[in-house]
Amino acid sequence: ATAPFHGCAAMALLAVGGGALSAGRYWIGTGAAVALDAVLFGAGTALGLAAAVAVPYLMVTRHRPTLADATPVWLLPLVAPMVSAALGPALVPHLPPGQPRETLLLGCLALFGLSLLATLLMLPLLLARLLLHGPLPLALTPALFLVLGPLGQSTTATGAIADLAPGVVPAPYDRGLAVFAVLYGVPVMGFALLWLAFAAAQLVRARRRGMRFAPTWWGLTFPVGTCVTGAASLARHTGLAGYAGLAVGLYALLLVAWAAAATGTVRGLLSGTLLPAPPPARGELRAARVRTRSGAVR
């Protein structure tokens, strides 16, 4: 239940680093922002790759889950390299011209492929679990939106790589990457909208059946945010107003989702429903051990 969340630590480092370079440079200066992003990008990418390998390995060798255990949370360690692929190109202009820039850009393309293919292997398991075992538990229903993460982030990544390709990748591959960003992003964004409608319908169903607030509601935010940046990338590369309008609409949905998750979190903290249970007293632990040894409790 908890192992896949190790991918979130990597994504957190990458997000802070990318934010430092895109917006933080106006506050701390470009040099400091580049240095901070470089450190966090390196650490986040290394941690993300480790999670992408270690978590599936442990799932196979130690955890032994069944199909009924499959949830969208399994995607978390696999999405982290895709975040690196989307944020890494911003560092390319700050490297020396030549092979350093091309190496980083093509490295981001390799991270894109790594995450994409791993995600494509995992998605059939998730769909099979839903079809064969029915809807997810109510509190876990918002996790369905996590599927949007690799879809929107991969579209964002191909657009970011194509933006930096001219002058970095030799012709005709630079133009090919721009073509690929559109030919890949358009159908993937179409599937993302299909899954968004499917997940939203499941969310409405769960809400009608009494779903209450849980921390899983934060799963509505980051995945929708990746679709915002993905739609904005397609608008930039195609020049179509429809994608610009889609980005605005998804951003409005993101604000609503973030407000709902934040409000529920604050209410839960104030009411104490989200606070961890206090640890048992030492005497209670000793009594539990005695009862277990005597065979009264199993």
C-alpha atoms as a PDB file:
ATOM      1  CA  ALA A   1       0.000   0.000   0.000  1.00  0.00           C
ATOM      2  CA  THR A   2       2.826   2.426   0.766  1.00  0.00           C
ATOM      3  CA  ALA A   3       5.736   1.333  -1.448  1.00  0.00           C
ATOM      4  CA  PRO A   4       4.521   3.095  -4.639  1.00  0.00           C
ATOM      5  CA  PHE A   5       4.495   6.428  -2.828  1.00  0.00           C
ATOM      6  CA  HIS A   6       8.303   6.475  -2.828  1.00  0.00           C
ATOM      7  CA  GLY A   7       7.953   7.912  -6.343  1.00  0.00           C
ATOM      8  CA  CYS A   8       6.271  10.993  -4.881  1.00  0.00           C
ATOM      9  CA  ALA A   9       9.470  12.115  -3.131  1.00  0.00           C
ATOM     10  CA  ALA A  10      11.259  12.223  -6.481  1.00  0.00           C
ATOM     11  CA  MET A  11       8.434  14.187  -8.099  1.00  0.00           C
ATOM     12  CA  ALA A  12       8.459  16.654  -5.204  1.00  0.00           C
ATOM     13  CA  LEU A  13      12.160  17.421  -5.702  1.00  0.00           C
ATOM     14  CA  LEU A  14      11.679  17.787  -9.454  1.00  0.00           C
ATOM     15  CA  ALA A  15       8.667  20.061  -9.067  1.00  0.00           C
ATOM     16  CA  VAL A  16      10.449  22.402  -6.654  1.00  0.00           C
ATOM     17  CA  GLY A  17      13.499  22.509  -8.916  1.00  0.00           C
ATOM     18  CA  GLY A  18      11.411  23.263 -11.989  1.00  0.00           C
ATOM     19  CA  GLY A  19       9.505  25.945 -10.116  1.00  0.00           C
ATOM     20  CA  ALA A  20      12.765  27.521  -8.959  1.00  0.00           C
ATOM     21  CA  LEU A  21      13.941  27.882 -12.544  1.00  0.00           C
ATOM     22  CA  SER A  22      10.656  28.999 -14.092  1.00  0.00           C
ATOM     23  CA  ALA A  23       9.396  31.420 -11.436  1.00  0.00           C
ATOM     24  CA  GLY A  24      11.930  31.451  -8.612  1.00  0.00           C
ATOM     25  CA  ARG A  25      14.661  33.014 -10.763  1.00  0.00           C
ATOM     26  CA  TYR A  26      12.847  36.344 -10.468  1.00  0.00           C
ATOM     27  CA  TRP A  27      13.306  36.144  -6.703  1.00  0.00           C
ATOM     28  CA  ILE A  28      16.678  34.476  -6.150  1.00  0.00           C
ATOM     29  CA  GLY A  29      18.396  35.271  -9.446  1.00  0.00           C
ATOM     30  CA  THR A  30      18.994  33.137 -12.510  1.00  0.00           C
ATOM     31  CA  GLY A  31      22.329  31.730 -11.343  1.00  0.00           C
ATOM     32  CA  ALA A  32      20.986  30.541  -8.003  1.00  0.00           C
ATOM     33  CA  ALA A  33      17.834  29.182  -9.638  1.00  0.00           C
ATOM     34  CA  VAL A  34      19.847  27.185 -12.177  1.00  0.00           C
ATOM     35  CA  ALA A  35      22.101  25.762  -9.457  1.00  0.00           C
ATOM     36  CA  LEU A  36      19.126  24.828  -7.283  1.00  0.00           C
ATOM     37  CA  ASP A  37      17.275  23.220 -10.189  1.00  0.00           C
ATOM     38  CA  ALA A  38      20.373  21.298 -11.245  1.00  0.00           C
ATOM     39  CA  VAL A  39      20.800  19.815  -7.773  1.00  0.00           C
ATOM     40  CA  LEU A  40      17.117  18.966  -7.338  1.00  0.00           C
ATOM     41  CA  PHE A  41      16.811  17.636 -10.885  1.00  0.00           C
ATOM     42  CA  GLY A  42      19.772  15.330 -10.379  1.00  0.00           C
ATOM     43  CA  ALA A  43      18.546  14.100  -6.996  1.00  0.00           C
ATOM     44  CA  GLY A  44      14.930  13.743  -8.155  1.00  0.00           C
ATOM     45  CA  THR A  45      15.885  11.881 -11.320  1.00  0.00           C
ATOM     46  CA  ALA A  46      18.153   9.477  -9.451  1.00  0.00           C
ATOM     47  CA  LEU A  47      15.503   8.838  -6.810  1.00  0.00           C
ATOM     48  CA  GLY A  48      12.814   8.432  -9.459  1.00  0.00           C
ATOM     49  CA  LEU A  49      14.832   5.886 -11.410  1.00  0.00           C
ATOM     50  CA  ALA A  50      15.572   3.973  -8.217  1.00  0.00           C
ATOM     51  CA  ALA A  51      11.869   3.871  -7.328  1.00  0.00           C
ATOM     52  CA  ALA A  52      10.897   2.867 -10.886  1.00  0.00           C
ATOM     53  CA  VAL A  53      13.178  -0.168 -10.590  1.00  0.00           C
ATOM     54  CA  ALA A  54      12.969  -1.070  -6.912  1.00  0.00           C
ATOM     55  CA  VAL A  55       9.210  -0.852  -6.359  1.00  0.00           C
ATOM     56  CA  PRO A  56       8.202  -3.177  -9.243  1.00  0.00           C
ATOM     57  CA  TYR A  57      11.044  -5.518  -8.256  1.00  0.00           C
ATOM     58  CA  LEU A  58       9.771  -5.740  -4.684  1.00  0.00           C
ATOM     59  CA  MET A  59       6.203  -6.161  -5.901  1.00  0.00           C
ATOM     60  CA  VAL A  60       7.327  -9.222  -7.865  1.00  0.00           C
ATOM     61  CA  THR A  61       9.700 -10.772  -5.352  1.00  0.00           C
ATOM     62  CA  ARG A  62       8.290  -9.819  -1.955  1.00  0.00           C
ATOM     63  CA  HIS A  63       4.828  -8.266  -1.968  1.00  0.00           C
ATOM     64  CA  ARG A  64       3.149 -10.729  -4.349  1.00  0.00           C
ATOM     65  CA  PRO A  65      -0.030  -8.661  -4.972  1.00  0.00           C
ATOM     66  CA  THR A  66      -3.083 -10.091  -6.720  1.00  0.00           C
ATOM     67  CA  LEU A  67      -5.097  -8.528  -9.524  1.00  0.00           C
ATOM     68  CA  ALA A  68      -7.693  -7.415  -6.984  1.00  0.00           C
ATOM     69  CA  ASP A  69      -4.980  -5.348  -5.280  1.00  0.00           C
ATOM     70  CA  ALA A  70      -4.185  -3.329  -8.415  1.00  0.00           C
ATOM     71  CA  THR A  71      -4.862   0.407  -8.071  1.00  0.00           C
ATOM     72  CA  PRO A  72      -3.766   3.530  -9.975  1.00  0.00           C
ATOM     73  CA  VAL A  73      -1.341   4.179  -7.101  1.00  0.00           C
ATOM     74  CA  TRP A  74       0.935   1.600  -8.750  1.00  0.00           C
ATOM     75  CA  LEU A  75       1.672   4.228 -11.414  1.00  0.00           C
ATOM     76  CA  LEU A  76       3.354   6.651  -9.000  1.00  0.00           C
ATOM     77  CA  PRO A  77       6.910   5.255  -9.166  1.00  0.00           C
ATOM     78  CA  LEU A  78       6.618   4.924 -12.942  1.00  0.00           C
ATOM     79  CA  VAL A  79       5.567   8.543 -13.517  1.00  0.00           C
ATOM     80  CA  ALA A  80       8.580  10.086 -11.752  1.00  0.00           C
ATOM     81  CA  PRO A  81      10.949   9.643 -14.761  1.00  0.00           C
ATOM     82  CA  MET A  82       8.313  11.303 -16.952  1.00  0.00           C
ATOM     83  CA  VAL A  83       8.427  14.365 -14.682  1.00  0.00           C
ATOM     84  CA  SER A  84      12.194  14.446 -15.238  1.00  0.00           C
ATOM     85  CA  ALA A  85      11.600  14.238 -18.985  1.00  0.00           C
ATOM     86  CA  ALA A  86       9.222  17.196 -18.850  1.00  0.00           C
ATOM     87  CA  LEU A  87      11.330  19.455 -16.598  1.00  0.00           C
ATOM     88  CA  GLY A  88      14.845  18.533 -17.729  1.00  0.00           C
ATOM     89  CA  PRO A  89      14.761  20.416 -21.060  1.00  0.00           C
ATOM     90  CA  ALA A  90      14.571  23.733 -19.189  1.00  0.00           C
ATOM     91  CA  LEU A  91      18.174  23.162 -18.072  1.00  0.00           C
ATOM     92  CA  VAL A  92      19.459  22.584 -21.618  1.00  0.00           C
ATOM     93  CA  PRO A  93      20.117  26.274 -22.487  1.00  0.00           C
ATOM     94  CA  HIS A  94      22.235  26.630 -19.349  1.00  0.00           C
ATOM     95  CA  LEU A  95      24.687  23.900 -20.421  1.00  0.00           C
ATOM     96  CA  PRO A  96      27.672  24.395 -22.737  1.00  0.00           C
ATOM     97  CA  PRO A  97      26.772  24.051 -26.426  1.00  0.00           C
ATOM     98  CA  GLY A  98      27.402  20.772 -28.147  1.00  0.00           C
ATOM     99  CA  GLN A  99      27.263  17.344 -26.628  1.00  0.00           C
ATOM    100  CA  PRO A 100      26.296  18.422 -23.072  1.00  0.00           C
ATOM    101  CA  ARG A 101      23.061  19.961 -24.351  1.00  0.00           C
ATOM    102  CA  GLU A 102      22.282  17.142 -26.760  1.00  0.00           C
ATOM    103  CA  THR A 103      23.036  14.516 -24.122  1.00  0.00           C
ATOM    104  CA  LEU A 104      20.628  16.045 -21.618  1.00  0.00           C
ATOM    105  CA  LEU A 105      17.883  16.525 -24.205  1.00  0.00           C
ATOM    106  CA  LEU A 106      18.132  12.984 -25.571  1.00  0.00           C
ATOM    107  CA  GLY A 107      18.432  11.721 -22.006  1.00  0.00           C
ATOM    108  CA  CYS A 108      15.080  13.339 -21.282  1.00  0.00           C
ATOM    109  CA  LEU A 109      13.692  11.595 -24.376  1.00  0.00           C
ATOM    110  CA  ALA A 110      14.979   8.286 -23.005  1.00  0.00           C
ATOM    111  CA  LEU A 111      13.291   8.994 -19.652  1.00  0.00           C
ATOM    112  CA  PHE A 112      10.097   9.702 -21.594  1.00  0.00           C
ATOM    113  CA  GLY A 113      10.280   6.303 -23.273  1.00  0.00           C
ATOM    114  CA  LEU A 114      11.143   4.501 -20.051  1.00  0.00           C
ATOM    115  CA  SER A 115       8.144   5.900 -18.212  1.00  0.00           C
ATOM    116  CA  LEU A 116       5.747   5.625 -21.150  1.00  0.00           C
ATOM    117  CA  LEU A 117       6.416   1.953 -21.890  1.00  0.00           C
ATOM    118  CA  ALA A 118       6.275   1.022 -18.208  1.00  0.00           C
ATOM    119  CA  THR A 119       2.944   2.843 -17.908  1.00  0.00           C
ATOM    120  CA  LEU A 120       1.554   1.073 -20.969  1.00  0.00           C
ATOM    121  CA  LEU A 121       2.385  -2.244 -19.299  1.00  0.00           C
ATOM    122  CA  MET A 122       0.607  -1.245 -16.106  1.00  0.00           C
ATOM    123  CA  LEU A 123      -2.600   0.303 -17.496  1.00  0.00           C
ATOM    124  CA  PRO A 124      -4.095  -3.000 -18.767  1.00  0.00           C
ATOM    125  CA  LEU A 125      -3.778  -4.418 -15.245  1.00  0.00           C
ATOM    126  CA  LEU A 126      -5.677  -1.480 -13.796  1.00  0.00           C
ATOM    127  CA  LEU A 127      -8.449  -1.707 -16.374  1.00  0.00           C
ATOM    128  CA  ALA A 128      -8.694  -5.478 -15.901  1.00  0.00           C
ATOM    129  CA  ARG A 129      -9.019  -4.982 -12.148  1.00  0.00           C
ATOM    130  CA  LEU A 130     -11.895  -2.541 -12.638  1.00  0.00           C
ATOM    131  CA  LEU A 131     -13.688  -4.762 -15.143  1.00  0.00           C
ATOM    132  CA  LEU A 132     -13.279  -8.014 -13.202  1.00  0.00           C
ATOM    133  CA  HIS A 133     -13.517  -6.805  -9.602  1.00  0.00           C
ATOM    134  CA  GLY A 134     -15.742  -3.741  -9.871  1.00  0.00           C
ATOM    135  CA  PRO A 135     -15.207  -0.154  -8.709  1.00  0.00           C
ATOM    136  CA  LEU A 136     -12.486   0.842  -6.283  1.00  0.00           C
ATOM    137  CA  PRO A 137     -13.325   1.386  -2.604  1.00  0.00           C
ATOM    138  CA  LEU A 138     -15.039   4.743  -2.117  1.00  0.00           C
ATOM    139  CA  ALA A 139     -12.100   6.455  -0.408  1.00  0.00           C
ATOM    140  CA  LEU A 140      -9.755   5.307  -3.179  1.00  0.00           C
ATOM    141  CA  THR A 141     -11.937   6.461  -6.087  1.00  0.00           C
ATOM    142  CA  PRO A 142     -10.119   9.815  -6.586  1.00  0.00           C
ATOM    143  CA  ALA A 143      -6.959   7.804  -7.300  1.00  0.00           C
ATOM    144  CA  LEU A 144      -8.444   7.015 -10.725  1.00  0.00           C
ATOM    145  CA  PHE A 145      -7.333  10.494 -11.765  1.00  0.00           C
ATOM    146  CA  LEU A 146      -3.700   9.401 -11.319  1.00  0.00           C
ATOM    147  CA  VAL A 147      -3.916   7.751 -14.732  1.00  0.00           C
ATOM    148  CA  LEU A 148      -4.042  11.258 -16.215  1.00  0.00           C
ATOM    149  CA  GLY A 149      -0.557  11.948 -14.821  1.00  0.00           C
ATOM    150  CA  PRO A 150       1.547  10.007 -17.330  1.00  0.00           C
ATOM    151  CA  LEU A 151      -0.800  11.012 -20.174  1.00  0.00           C
ATOM    152  CA  GLY A 152      -0.632  14.750 -19.612  1.00  0.00           C
ATOM    153  CA  GLN A 153       2.989  14.729 -18.476  1.00  0.00           C
ATOM    154  CA  SER A 154       4.141  12.774 -21.520  1.00  0.00           C
ATOM    155  CA  THR A 155       2.426  15.281 -23.806  1.00  0.00           C
ATOM    156  CA  THR A 156       4.129  18.067 -21.885  1.00  0.00           C
ATOM    157  CA  ALA A 157       7.478  16.304 -22.144  1.00  0.00           C
ATOM    158  CA  THR A 158       7.356  15.825 -25.928  1.00  0.00           C
ATOM    159  CA  GLY A 159       6.464  19.495 -26.361  1.00  0.00           C
ATOM    160  CA  ALA A 160       9.268  20.666 -24.069  1.00  0.00           C
ATOM    161  CA  ILE A 161      11.814  18.468 -25.853  1.00  0.00           C
ATOM    162  CA  ALA A 162      10.651  19.730 -29.259  1.00  0.00           C
ATOM    163  CA  ASP A 163      10.940  23.358 -28.097  1.00  0.00           C
ATOM    164  CA  LEU A 164      14.636  22.932 -27.246  1.00  0.00           C
ATOM    165  CA  ALA A 165      15.584  20.644 -30.142  1.00  0.00           C
ATOM    166  CA  PRO A 166      16.496  23.316 -32.754  1.00  0.00           C
ATOM    167  CA  GLY A 167      20.206  24.015 -32.542  1.00  0.00           C
ATOM    168  CA  VAL A 168      20.722  21.165 -30.066  1.00  0.00           C
ATOM    169  CA  VAL A 169      19.754  18.052 -32.026  1.00  0.00           C
ATOM    170  CA  PRO A 170      21.084  17.838 -35.604  1.00  0.00           C
ATOM    171  CA  ALA A 171      18.705  18.102 -38.543  1.00  0.00           C
ATOM    172  CA  PRO A 172      16.384  16.499 -39.507  1.00  0.00           C
ATOM    173  CA  TYR A 173      15.811  15.091 -36.024  1.00  0.00           C
ATOM    174  CA  ASP A 174      15.026  18.504 -34.577  1.00  0.00           C
ATOM    175  CA  ARG A 175      12.104  18.927 -36.981  1.00  0.00           C
ATOM    176  CA  GLY A 176      11.114  15.302 -36.431  1.00  0.00           C
ATOM    177  CA  LEU A 177      10.784  15.912 -32.691  1.00  0.00           C
ATOM    178  CA  ALA A 178       8.436  18.832 -33.389  1.00  0.00           C
ATOM    179  CA  VAL A 179       6.305  16.604 -35.613  1.00  0.00           C
ATOM    180  CA  PHE A 180       6.375  13.838 -33.023  1.00  0.00           C
ATOM    181  CA  ALA A 181       5.177  16.227 -30.303  1.00  0.00           C
ATOM    182  CA  VAL A 182       1.970  16.836 -32.273  1.00  0.00           C
ATOM    183  CA  LEU A 183       1.444  13.329 -33.650  1.00  0.00           C
ATOM    184  CA  TYR A 184       1.887  11.870 -30.169  1.00  0.00           C
ATOM    185  CA  GLY A 185       0.211  14.571 -28.110  1.00  0.00           C
ATOM    186  CA  VAL A 186      -3.053  14.881 -30.021  1.00  0.00           C
ATOM    187  CA  PRO A 187      -4.237  11.231 -29.684  1.00  0.00           C
ATOM    188  CA  VAL A 188      -2.897  10.909 -26.133  1.00  0.00           C
ATOM    189  CA  MET A 189      -4.736  14.040 -25.052  1.00  0.00           C
ATOM    190  CA  GLY A 190      -7.864  12.585 -26.613  1.00  0.00           C
ATOM    191  CA  PHE A 191      -7.499   9.453 -24.489  1.00  0.00           C
ATOM    192  CA  ALA A 192      -6.801  11.645 -21.445  1.00  0.00           C
ATOM    193  CA  LEU A 193     -10.148  13.380 -21.944  1.00  0.00           C
ATOM    194  CA  LEU A 194     -11.858  10.002 -22.242  1.00  0.00           C
ATOM    195  CA  TRP A 195     -10.294   8.843 -18.976  1.00  0.00           C
ATOM    196  CA  LEU A 196     -11.130  12.170 -17.342  1.00  0.00           C
ATOM    197  CA  ALA A 197     -14.793  11.619 -18.137  1.00  0.00           C
ATOM    198  CA  PHE A 198     -14.616   8.013 -16.912  1.00  0.00           C
ATOM    199  CA  ALA A 199     -12.907   8.975 -13.644  1.00  0.00           C
ATOM    200  CA  ALA A 200     -15.296  11.881 -13.088  1.00  0.00           C
ATOM    201  CA  ALA A 201     -18.287   9.559 -13.512  1.00  0.00           C
ATOM    202  CA  GLN A 202     -16.780   7.154 -10.985  1.00  0.00           C
ATOM    203  CA  LEU A 203     -16.194  10.063  -8.599  1.00  0.00           C
ATOM    204  CA  VAL A 204     -19.829  11.190  -8.856  1.00  0.00           C
ATOM    205  CA  ARG A 205     -20.968   7.618  -8.240  1.00  0.00           C
ATOM    206  CA  ALA A 206     -18.771   7.311  -5.158  1.00  0.00           C
ATOM    207  CA  ARG A 207     -19.950  10.656  -3.846  1.00  0.00           C
ATOM    208  CA  ARG A 208     -23.583   9.580  -4.150  1.00  0.00           C
ATOM    209  CA  ARG A 209     -22.750   6.429  -2.197  1.00  0.00           C
ATOM    210  CA  GLY A 210     -21.387   8.366   0.738  1.00  0.00           C
ATOM    211  CA  MET A 211     -17.727   8.960  -0.098  1.00  0.00           C
ATOM    212  CA  ARG A 212     -16.243  11.337   2.457  1.00  0.00           C
ATOM    213  CA  PHE A 213     -13.097  13.378   2.307  1.00  0.00           C
ATOM    214  CA  ALA A 214      -9.808  11.492   2.401  1.00  0.00           C
ATOM    215  CA  PRO A 215      -6.226  12.482   1.524  1.00  0.00           C
ATOM    216  CA  THR A 216      -6.716  10.653  -1.780  1.00  0.00           C
ATOM    217  CA  TRP A 217      -8.592  13.759  -2.946  1.00  0.00           C
ATOM    218  CA  TRP A 218      -5.193  15.328  -3.595  1.00  0.00           C
ATOM    219  CA  GLY A 219      -4.929  12.803  -6.417  1.00  0.00           C
ATOM    220  CA  LEU A 220      -7.250  15.122  -8.340  1.00  0.00           C
ATOM    221  CA  THR A 221      -4.695  17.935  -8.522  1.00  0.00           C
ATOM    222  CA  PHE A 222      -1.342  16.928 -10.000  1.00  0.00           C
ATOM    223  CA  PRO A 223      -2.758  14.717 -12.798  1.00  0.00           C
ATOM    224  CA  VAL A 224      -5.183  17.411 -13.950  1.00  0.00           C
ATOM    225  CA  GLY A 225      -2.303  19.892 -13.797  1.00  0.00           C
ATOM    226  CA  THR A 226      -0.277  17.774 -16.218  1.00  0.00           C
ATOM    227  CA  CYS A 227      -3.204  17.853 -18.641  1.00  0.00           C
ATOM    228  CA  VAL A 228      -3.214  21.650 -18.374  1.00  0.00           C
ATOM    229  CA  THR A 229       0.437  21.856 -19.386  1.00  0.00           C
ATOM    230  CA  GLY A 230      -0.077  19.190 -22.046  1.00  0.00           C
ATOM    231  CA  ALA A 231      -2.976  21.079 -23.631  1.00  0.00           C
ATOM    232  CA  ALA A 232      -0.980  24.317 -23.460  1.00  0.00           C
ATOM    233  CA  SER A 233       1.912  22.588 -25.238  1.00  0.00           C
ATOM    234  CA  LEU A 234      -0.387  21.402 -28.017  1.00  0.00           C
ATOM    235  CA  ALA A 235      -1.850  24.891 -28.336  1.00  0.00           C
ATOM    236  CA  ARG A 236       1.688  26.249 -28.738  1.00  0.00           C
ATOM    237  CA  HIS A 237       2.701  23.696 -31.366  1.00  0.00           C
ATOM    238  CA  THR A 238      -0.516  23.567 -33.376  1.00  0.00           C
ATOM    239  CA  GLY A 239      -1.700  27.148 -33.014  1.00  0.00           C
ATOM    240  CA  LEU A 240      -5.255  25.885 -32.472  1.00  0.00           C
ATOM    241  CA  ALA A 241      -7.485  27.967 -30.238  1.00  0.00           C
ATOM    242  CA  GLY A 242      -9.323  24.806 -29.215  1.00  0.00           C
ATOM    243  CA  TYR A 243      -6.317  23.553 -27.282  1.00  0.00           C
ATOM    244  CA  ALA A 244      -5.837  26.942 -25.668  1.00  0.00           C
ATOM    245  CA  GLY A 245      -9.473  26.860 -24.544  1.00  0.00           C
ATOM    246  CA  LEU A 246      -9.004  23.295 -23.305  1.00  0.00           C
ATOM    247  CA  ALA A 247      -6.014  24.375 -21.236  1.00  0.00           C
ATOM    248  CA  VAL A 248      -8.045  27.187 -19.662  1.00  0.00           C
ATOM    249  CA  GLY A 249     -10.963  24.864 -18.919  1.00  0.00           C
ATOM    250  CA  LEU A 250      -8.711  22.235 -17.356  1.00  0.00           C
ATOM    251  CA  TYR A 251      -6.979  24.914 -15.309  1.00  0.00           C
ATOM    252  CA  ALA A 252     -10.348  26.017 -13.920  1.00  0.00           C
ATOM    253  CA  LEU A 253     -11.048  22.364 -13.041  1.00  0.00           C
ATOM    254  CA  LEU A 254      -7.640  22.196 -11.366  1.00  0.00           C
ATOM    255  CA  LEU A 255      -8.461  25.205  -9.193  1.00  0.00           C
ATOM    256  CA  VAL A 256     -11.762  23.616  -8.130  1.00  0.00           C
ATOM    257  CA  ALA A 257     -10.050  20.308  -7.329  1.00  0.00           C
ATOM    258  CA  TRP A 258      -7.280  22.028  -5.379  1.00  0.00           C
ATOM    259  CA  ALA A 259      -9.777  24.128  -3.398  1.00  0.00           C
ATOM    260  CA  ALA A 260     -11.844  21.033  -2.550  1.00  0.00           C
ATOM    261  CA  ALA A 261      -8.786  19.058  -1.418  1.00  0.00           C
ATOM    262  CA  ALA A 262      -7.382  21.961   0.594  1.00  0.00           C
ATOM    263  CA  THR A 263     -10.714  22.703   2.264  1.00  0.00           C
ATOM    264  CA  GLY A 264     -11.230  19.059   3.179  1.00  0.00           C
ATOM    265  CA  THR A 265      -7.699  18.832   4.560  1.00  0.00           C
ATOM    266  CA  VAL A 266      -8.090  21.905   6.762  1.00  0.00           C
ATOM    267  CA  ARG A 267     -11.444  20.693   8.064  1.00  0.00           C
ATOM    268  CA  GLY A 268     -10.038  17.243   8.737  1.00  0.00           C
ATOM    269  CA  LEU A 269      -7.084  18.649  10.657  1.00  0.00           C
ATOM    270  CA  LEU A 270      -9.259  20.967  12.727  1.00  0.00           C
ATOM    271  CA  SER A 271     -11.705  18.187  13.552  1.00  0.00           C
ATOM    272  CA  GLY A 272      -8.921  15.685  14.237  1.00  0.00           C
ATOM    273  CA  THR A 273     -10.150  13.119  11.726  1.00  0.00           C
ATOM    274  CA  LEU A 274      -6.921  13.314   9.688  1.00  0.00           C
ATOM    275  CA  LEU A 275      -4.553  13.170  12.650  1.00  0.00           C
ATOM    276  CA  PRO A 276      -2.756   9.860  13.277  1.00  0.00           C
ATOM    277  CA  ALA A 277      -3.927   7.818  16.210  1.00  0.00           C
ATOM    278  CA  PRO A 278      -1.782   8.249  19.348  1.00  0.00           C
ATOM    279  CA  PRO A 279       0.629   5.399  20.078  1.00  0.00           C
ATOM    280  CA  PRO A 280      -0.519   2.926  22.724  1.00  0.00           C
ATOM    281  CA  ALA A 281       0.865   3.264  26.209  1.00  0.00           C
ATOM    282  CA  ARG A 282       3.747   1.021  27.234  1.00  0.00           C
ATOM    283  CA  GLY A 283       1.527  -0.940  29.588  1.00  0.00           C
ATOM    284  CA  GLU A 284      -0.945  -1.628  26.799  1.00  0.00           C
ATOM    285  CA  LEU A 285       1.840  -2.924  24.570  1.00  0.00           C
ATOM    286  CA  ARG A 286       3.112  -5.227  27.348  1.00  0.00           C
ATOM    287  CA  ALA A 287      -0.388  -6.580  27.970  1.00  0.00           C
ATOM    288  CA  ALA A 288      -0.863  -7.204  24.249  1.00  0.00           C
ATOM    289  CA  ARG A 289       2.386  -9.148  24.099  1.00  0.00           C
ATOM    290  CA  VAL A 290       1.360 -11.300  27.047  1.00  0.00           C
ATOM    291  CA  ARG A 291      -2.030 -12.065  25.558  1.00  0.00           C
ATOM    292  CA  THR A 292      -0.465 -12.965  22.228  1.00  0.00           C
ATOM    293  CA  ARG A 293       2.040 -15.363  23.791  1.00  0.00           C
ATOM    294  CA  SER A 294      -0.691 -17.065  25.767  1.00  0.00           C
ATOM    295  CA  GLY A 295      -2.663 -17.696  22.599  1.00  0.00           C
ATOM    296  CA  ALA A 296      -5.668 -15.582  23.597  1.00  0.00           C
ATOM    297  CA  VAL A 297      -5.083 -13.127  20.756  1.00  0.00           C
ATOM    298  CA  ARG A 298      -3.939 -13.953  17.224  1.00  0.00           C
END
